[in-house]
Structure formats: C-alpha cells, structure tokens
N, C-alpha and C. Protein backbone atom coordinates (compact mmCIF):
# COMPACT_ATOMS: atom_id res chain seq x y z
N MET A 1 -54.96 -21.90 26.29
CA MET A 1 -54.85 -20.49 26.00
C MET A 1 -54.24 -19.83 27.23
N LEU A 2 -53.25 -19.03 27.03
CA LEU A 2 -52.69 -18.20 28.09
C LEU A 2 -53.10 -16.77 27.76
N ALA A 3 -53.62 -16.07 28.74
CA ALA A 3 -54.02 -14.72 28.47
C ALA A 3 -53.76 -13.89 29.72
N ALA A 4 -53.32 -12.66 29.54
CA ALA A 4 -53.17 -11.77 30.65
C ALA A 4 -54.47 -11.03 30.87
N GLY A 5 -54.95 -11.06 32.07
CA GLY A 5 -56.27 -10.46 32.37
C GLY A 5 -56.20 -8.97 32.50
N LEU A 6 -57.14 -8.28 31.91
CA LEU A 6 -57.38 -6.85 32.07
C LEU A 6 -56.22 -5.95 31.64
N GLN A 7 -55.55 -6.31 30.60
CA GLN A 7 -54.62 -5.39 30.02
C GLN A 7 -55.33 -4.63 28.92
N GLN A 8 -54.83 -3.48 28.51
CA GLN A 8 -55.52 -2.67 27.53
C GLN A 8 -55.72 -3.47 26.22
N PRO A 9 -56.98 -3.70 25.83
CA PRO A 9 -57.25 -4.48 24.64
C PRO A 9 -56.97 -3.72 23.36
N VAL A 10 -56.72 -4.47 22.34
CA VAL A 10 -56.48 -3.88 21.00
C VAL A 10 -57.79 -3.73 20.26
N HIS A 11 -58.73 -4.64 20.47
CA HIS A 11 -59.94 -4.69 19.66
C HIS A 11 -61.22 -4.62 20.47
N ALA A 12 -61.25 -3.88 21.55
CA ALA A 12 -62.43 -3.87 22.44
C ALA A 12 -63.29 -2.64 22.21
N SER A 13 -63.51 -2.26 20.96
CA SER A 13 -64.37 -1.11 20.72
C SER A 13 -65.74 -1.39 21.24
N GLY A 14 -66.32 -0.37 21.88
CA GLY A 14 -67.66 -0.52 22.40
C GLY A 14 -67.71 -1.07 23.81
N VAL A 15 -66.57 -1.37 24.41
CA VAL A 15 -66.52 -1.92 25.78
C VAL A 15 -66.54 -0.74 26.76
N ASP A 16 -67.47 -0.77 27.74
CA ASP A 16 -67.56 0.21 28.79
C ASP A 16 -66.59 -0.18 29.92
N PHE A 17 -65.42 0.45 29.90
CA PHE A 17 -64.39 0.09 30.89
C PHE A 17 -64.76 0.50 32.29
N SER A 18 -65.76 1.35 32.50
CA SER A 18 -66.13 1.73 33.84
C SER A 18 -66.72 0.56 34.62
N LYS A 19 -67.08 -0.50 33.95
CA LYS A 19 -67.62 -1.70 34.61
C LYS A 19 -66.51 -2.61 35.13
N PHE A 20 -65.25 -2.32 34.80
CA PHE A 20 -64.14 -3.15 35.20
C PHE A 20 -63.29 -2.45 36.23
N ARG A 21 -62.69 -3.23 37.11
CA ARG A 21 -61.73 -2.73 38.09
C ARG A 21 -60.37 -3.21 37.66
N ARG A 22 -59.45 -2.30 37.47
CA ARG A 22 -58.11 -2.70 37.06
C ARG A 22 -57.41 -3.42 38.20
N ILE A 23 -56.77 -4.53 37.86
CA ILE A 23 -56.02 -5.32 38.79
C ILE A 23 -54.65 -5.57 38.20
N GLU A 24 -53.73 -6.05 39.02
CA GLU A 24 -52.44 -6.46 38.50
C GLU A 24 -52.67 -7.57 37.48
N PRO A 25 -51.85 -7.65 36.44
CA PRO A 25 -52.08 -8.72 35.46
C PRO A 25 -52.07 -10.10 36.10
N GLN A 26 -52.99 -10.92 35.65
CA GLN A 26 -53.04 -12.30 36.04
C GLN A 26 -52.96 -13.10 34.73
N PHE A 27 -52.33 -14.21 34.79
CA PHE A 27 -52.12 -15.02 33.59
C PHE A 27 -53.07 -16.21 33.72
N ILE A 28 -54.02 -16.28 32.81
CA ILE A 28 -55.12 -17.23 32.94
C ILE A 28 -54.91 -18.47 32.11
N ALA A 29 -55.15 -19.62 32.74
CA ALA A 29 -55.08 -20.94 32.05
C ALA A 29 -56.49 -21.33 31.72
N ALA A 30 -56.85 -21.31 30.43
CA ALA A 30 -58.22 -21.58 30.02
C ALA A 30 -58.22 -22.35 28.72
N LEU A 31 -59.20 -23.20 28.60
CA LEU A 31 -59.50 -23.85 27.33
C LEU A 31 -60.77 -23.28 26.77
N GLY A 32 -60.76 -22.88 25.54
CA GLY A 32 -61.96 -22.31 24.94
C GLY A 32 -61.69 -21.81 23.54
N ASP A 33 -62.75 -21.37 22.93
CA ASP A 33 -62.68 -20.84 21.57
C ASP A 33 -61.92 -19.50 21.62
N PRO A 34 -60.78 -19.36 20.99
CA PRO A 34 -60.04 -18.11 21.04
C PRO A 34 -60.80 -16.92 20.42
N LYS A 35 -61.84 -17.19 19.65
CA LYS A 35 -62.63 -16.12 19.01
C LYS A 35 -63.86 -15.76 19.81
N ALA A 36 -64.11 -16.46 20.92
CA ALA A 36 -65.31 -16.20 21.73
C ALA A 36 -65.26 -14.81 22.34
N THR A 37 -66.39 -14.16 22.45
CA THR A 37 -66.48 -12.86 23.11
C THR A 37 -67.24 -12.96 24.43
N SER A 38 -67.81 -14.10 24.72
CA SER A 38 -68.47 -14.32 26.00
C SER A 38 -68.62 -15.83 26.17
N GLY A 39 -69.02 -16.26 27.34
CA GLY A 39 -69.19 -17.69 27.54
C GLY A 39 -69.30 -18.03 29.01
N SER A 40 -69.17 -19.29 29.28
CA SER A 40 -69.25 -19.78 30.66
C SER A 40 -68.17 -20.82 30.86
N GLY A 41 -68.08 -21.34 32.08
CA GLY A 41 -67.08 -22.38 32.34
C GLY A 41 -65.84 -21.85 32.99
N ALA A 42 -65.78 -20.57 33.33
CA ALA A 42 -64.57 -20.00 33.91
C ALA A 42 -64.22 -20.59 35.26
N GLN A 43 -65.20 -21.27 35.91
CA GLN A 43 -64.89 -21.92 37.20
C GLN A 43 -63.90 -23.04 37.02
N LEU A 44 -63.67 -23.49 35.77
CA LEU A 44 -62.71 -24.53 35.47
C LEU A 44 -61.35 -23.95 35.09
N TRP A 45 -61.24 -22.63 35.00
CA TRP A 45 -60.01 -21.98 34.63
C TRP A 45 -59.10 -21.82 35.83
N GLY A 46 -57.83 -21.71 35.57
CA GLY A 46 -56.84 -21.46 36.61
C GLY A 46 -56.11 -20.15 36.30
N PHE A 47 -55.24 -19.75 37.21
CA PHE A 47 -54.48 -18.50 36.97
C PHE A 47 -53.12 -18.55 37.68
N TRP A 48 -52.24 -17.78 37.14
CA TRP A 48 -50.94 -17.56 37.78
C TRP A 48 -50.88 -16.09 38.18
N ASN A 49 -50.43 -15.81 39.40
CA ASN A 49 -50.25 -14.41 39.82
C ASN A 49 -48.97 -13.81 39.22
N LYS A 50 -48.04 -14.69 38.86
CA LYS A 50 -46.78 -14.26 38.24
C LYS A 50 -46.74 -14.85 36.85
N ASP A 51 -46.11 -14.18 35.94
CA ASP A 51 -45.97 -14.66 34.56
C ASP A 51 -45.26 -16.01 34.63
N PRO A 52 -45.93 -17.09 34.18
CA PRO A 52 -45.28 -18.40 34.26
C PRO A 52 -44.18 -18.63 33.21
N GLY A 53 -44.16 -17.82 32.17
CA GLY A 53 -43.16 -18.01 31.11
C GLY A 53 -41.72 -17.95 31.59
N PRO A 54 -41.30 -16.86 32.24
CA PRO A 54 -39.93 -16.78 32.69
C PRO A 54 -39.57 -17.78 33.78
N ARG A 55 -40.56 -18.37 34.46
CA ARG A 55 -40.31 -19.34 35.51
C ARG A 55 -40.34 -20.77 34.98
N ALA A 56 -40.65 -20.91 33.71
CA ALA A 56 -40.78 -22.24 33.10
C ALA A 56 -39.44 -22.87 32.77
N CYS A 57 -39.51 -24.17 32.43
CA CYS A 57 -38.32 -24.91 32.02
C CYS A 57 -38.55 -25.53 30.66
N LYS A 58 -37.51 -25.63 29.88
CA LYS A 58 -37.63 -26.27 28.58
C LYS A 58 -37.95 -27.76 28.75
N LEU A 59 -38.68 -28.30 27.78
CA LEU A 59 -39.12 -29.67 27.84
C LEU A 59 -37.95 -30.64 27.95
N ASP A 60 -36.83 -30.31 27.37
CA ASP A 60 -35.65 -31.22 27.41
C ASP A 60 -35.07 -31.31 28.83
N HIS A 61 -35.53 -30.50 29.77
CA HIS A 61 -35.10 -30.56 31.15
C HIS A 61 -36.03 -31.46 31.99
N TYR A 62 -36.99 -32.13 31.35
CA TYR A 62 -37.91 -32.97 32.08
C TYR A 62 -37.24 -34.02 32.95
N PRO A 63 -36.22 -34.75 32.47
CA PRO A 63 -35.58 -35.76 33.35
C PRO A 63 -35.06 -35.18 34.64
N GLU A 64 -34.44 -33.98 34.56
CA GLU A 64 -33.91 -33.34 35.78
C GLU A 64 -35.05 -32.88 36.68
N LEU A 65 -36.10 -32.32 36.12
CA LEU A 65 -37.25 -31.93 36.91
C LEU A 65 -37.84 -33.11 37.63
N LYS A 66 -38.02 -34.21 36.92
CA LYS A 66 -38.63 -35.39 37.52
C LYS A 66 -37.74 -35.94 38.64
N ALA A 67 -36.44 -35.92 38.43
CA ALA A 67 -35.52 -36.46 39.44
C ALA A 67 -35.45 -35.59 40.69
N THR A 68 -35.44 -34.28 40.54
CA THR A 68 -35.28 -33.37 41.67
C THR A 68 -36.60 -32.91 42.27
N GLY A 69 -37.63 -32.81 41.43
CA GLY A 69 -38.94 -32.30 41.89
C GLY A 69 -38.98 -30.83 42.12
N VAL A 70 -37.91 -30.12 41.72
CA VAL A 70 -37.83 -28.67 41.90
C VAL A 70 -37.30 -28.01 40.63
N ALA A 71 -37.97 -27.00 40.16
CA ALA A 71 -37.52 -26.26 38.97
C ALA A 71 -36.44 -25.25 39.34
N PRO A 72 -35.63 -24.79 38.38
CA PRO A 72 -34.62 -23.79 38.69
C PRO A 72 -35.21 -22.53 39.37
N ALA A 73 -36.49 -22.20 39.07
CA ALA A 73 -37.12 -21.04 39.69
C ALA A 73 -37.71 -21.37 41.06
N GLN A 74 -37.42 -22.58 41.57
CA GLN A 74 -37.76 -23.04 42.90
C GLN A 74 -39.26 -23.39 43.10
N TRP A 75 -39.98 -23.62 42.02
CA TRP A 75 -41.35 -24.13 42.20
C TRP A 75 -41.33 -25.65 42.19
N LYS A 76 -42.27 -26.22 42.92
CA LYS A 76 -42.33 -27.66 43.07
C LYS A 76 -42.91 -28.30 41.81
N PHE A 77 -42.22 -29.29 41.26
CA PHE A 77 -42.67 -30.02 40.07
C PHE A 77 -43.33 -31.31 40.48
N ASP A 78 -44.52 -31.56 39.96
CA ASP A 78 -45.27 -32.80 40.22
C ASP A 78 -45.27 -33.59 38.92
N ALA A 79 -44.49 -34.67 38.86
CA ALA A 79 -44.37 -35.46 37.62
C ALA A 79 -45.70 -36.09 37.19
N ALA A 80 -46.66 -36.19 38.10
CA ALA A 80 -47.96 -36.77 37.76
C ALA A 80 -48.97 -35.73 37.28
N ASP A 81 -48.64 -34.45 37.40
CA ASP A 81 -49.61 -33.41 37.04
C ASP A 81 -48.85 -32.11 36.75
N TRP A 82 -48.56 -31.93 35.45
CA TRP A 82 -47.78 -30.75 35.06
C TRP A 82 -48.38 -30.09 33.81
N TRP A 83 -47.91 -28.89 33.54
CA TRP A 83 -48.43 -28.06 32.46
C TRP A 83 -47.36 -27.85 31.39
N LEU A 84 -47.74 -28.06 30.13
CA LEU A 84 -46.86 -27.87 29.01
C LEU A 84 -47.41 -26.73 28.15
N GLU A 85 -46.65 -25.71 27.99
CA GLU A 85 -47.03 -24.55 27.18
C GLU A 85 -46.78 -24.89 25.71
N GLU A 86 -47.45 -24.19 24.82
CA GLU A 86 -47.43 -24.53 23.38
C GLU A 86 -46.06 -24.42 22.74
N HIS A 87 -45.10 -23.76 23.38
CA HIS A 87 -43.76 -23.63 22.82
C HIS A 87 -42.77 -24.60 23.49
N GLY A 88 -43.30 -25.58 24.20
CA GLY A 88 -42.44 -26.60 24.80
C GLY A 88 -41.87 -26.23 26.15
N LEU A 89 -42.53 -25.36 26.88
CA LEU A 89 -42.06 -24.99 28.21
C LEU A 89 -42.93 -25.67 29.28
N ILE A 90 -42.30 -26.28 30.24
CA ILE A 90 -42.99 -26.88 31.38
C ILE A 90 -43.19 -25.76 32.40
N MET A 91 -44.45 -25.57 32.79
CA MET A 91 -44.76 -24.49 33.72
C MET A 91 -45.27 -25.01 35.06
N GLU A 92 -45.13 -24.19 36.08
CA GLU A 92 -45.66 -24.55 37.38
C GLU A 92 -47.18 -24.60 37.33
N GLN A 93 -47.79 -25.26 38.29
CA GLN A 93 -49.23 -25.39 38.37
C GLN A 93 -49.87 -24.02 38.57
N PRO A 94 -50.97 -23.73 37.85
CA PRO A 94 -51.74 -22.53 38.17
C PRO A 94 -52.58 -22.77 39.42
N SER A 95 -53.12 -21.72 39.97
CA SER A 95 -54.05 -21.84 41.10
C SER A 95 -55.47 -22.04 40.53
N PHE A 96 -56.24 -22.84 41.20
CA PHE A 96 -57.63 -23.13 40.80
C PHE A 96 -58.55 -22.86 41.97
N PRO A 97 -59.79 -22.48 41.73
CA PRO A 97 -60.30 -21.96 40.46
C PRO A 97 -60.01 -20.47 40.32
N LEU A 98 -60.26 -19.95 39.16
CA LEU A 98 -60.22 -18.52 38.94
C LEU A 98 -61.32 -17.90 39.81
N PRO A 99 -60.98 -16.85 40.60
CA PRO A 99 -62.01 -16.26 41.45
C PRO A 99 -63.22 -15.79 40.62
N PRO A 100 -64.43 -15.91 41.18
CA PRO A 100 -65.62 -15.48 40.47
C PRO A 100 -65.53 -14.02 40.07
N GLY A 101 -66.09 -13.68 38.94
CA GLY A 101 -66.10 -12.31 38.47
C GLY A 101 -66.19 -12.27 36.97
N GLN A 102 -66.22 -11.07 36.44
CA GLN A 102 -66.17 -10.89 34.99
C GLN A 102 -64.76 -10.48 34.64
N TYR A 103 -64.24 -11.07 33.59
CA TYR A 103 -62.88 -10.81 33.17
C TYR A 103 -62.83 -10.36 31.72
N LEU A 104 -62.04 -9.37 31.45
CA LEU A 104 -61.78 -8.97 30.07
C LEU A 104 -60.45 -9.63 29.72
N VAL A 105 -60.52 -10.63 28.84
CA VAL A 105 -59.34 -11.42 28.49
C VAL A 105 -58.88 -10.93 27.12
N THR A 106 -57.62 -10.54 27.05
CA THR A 106 -57.06 -9.99 25.81
C THR A 106 -55.91 -10.83 25.32
C-alpha cells in the first residue's frame, strides 16, 4: 500500500484533527488491510520523503538498472533488494523505520 500521510481525508468524519500536527506529505510503504481504521506494526513500515512515483523506472528498464546501478533520477539501485509498485514501476528504497507516532493515512 502506498499512502500519503496526513493529507485531508475524504472519509474521516468524527476525527479530531486537533490531535494531529500537519507535516509535509510522506509516502508510506506499508502492508496491511486497506480497510483497517487502526492497528499496530507500523514499526515495520517505511516511508519516502519525496513522491517515489515520478522518480521510479518502468519494469522493462530493469536490465539497464541492474547493469548501471543508478536510476535516471540518480537514486542507487540495489538488484538484490528493490521495490516494485503495483503498476510495474521500480522504486527507490524507502527509509526504515517509520518514525514513532500516530499517523492519519488516507
């Protein structure tokens, strides 16, 4: 699941936003039930400070990425540990772990 943290939610009726501090959008790498409204395990989540989509490469560029080790957006590609987005985009590694806190994921 890719989610931008703390953007204005569409379906968050009843949420007290005074409990949240607005931050620049972070793009979260998480596995979980997309219908969940709470849970645990966020210490296993990662995040990107920049939107990884525009910096990603199409899957058919894998041979070039593997050979050069560098994406066109100048991030380092590790052929032994890489991220594939659901639309076939190879993305740079997120940072781990997600800093402790409460997050409103939309």
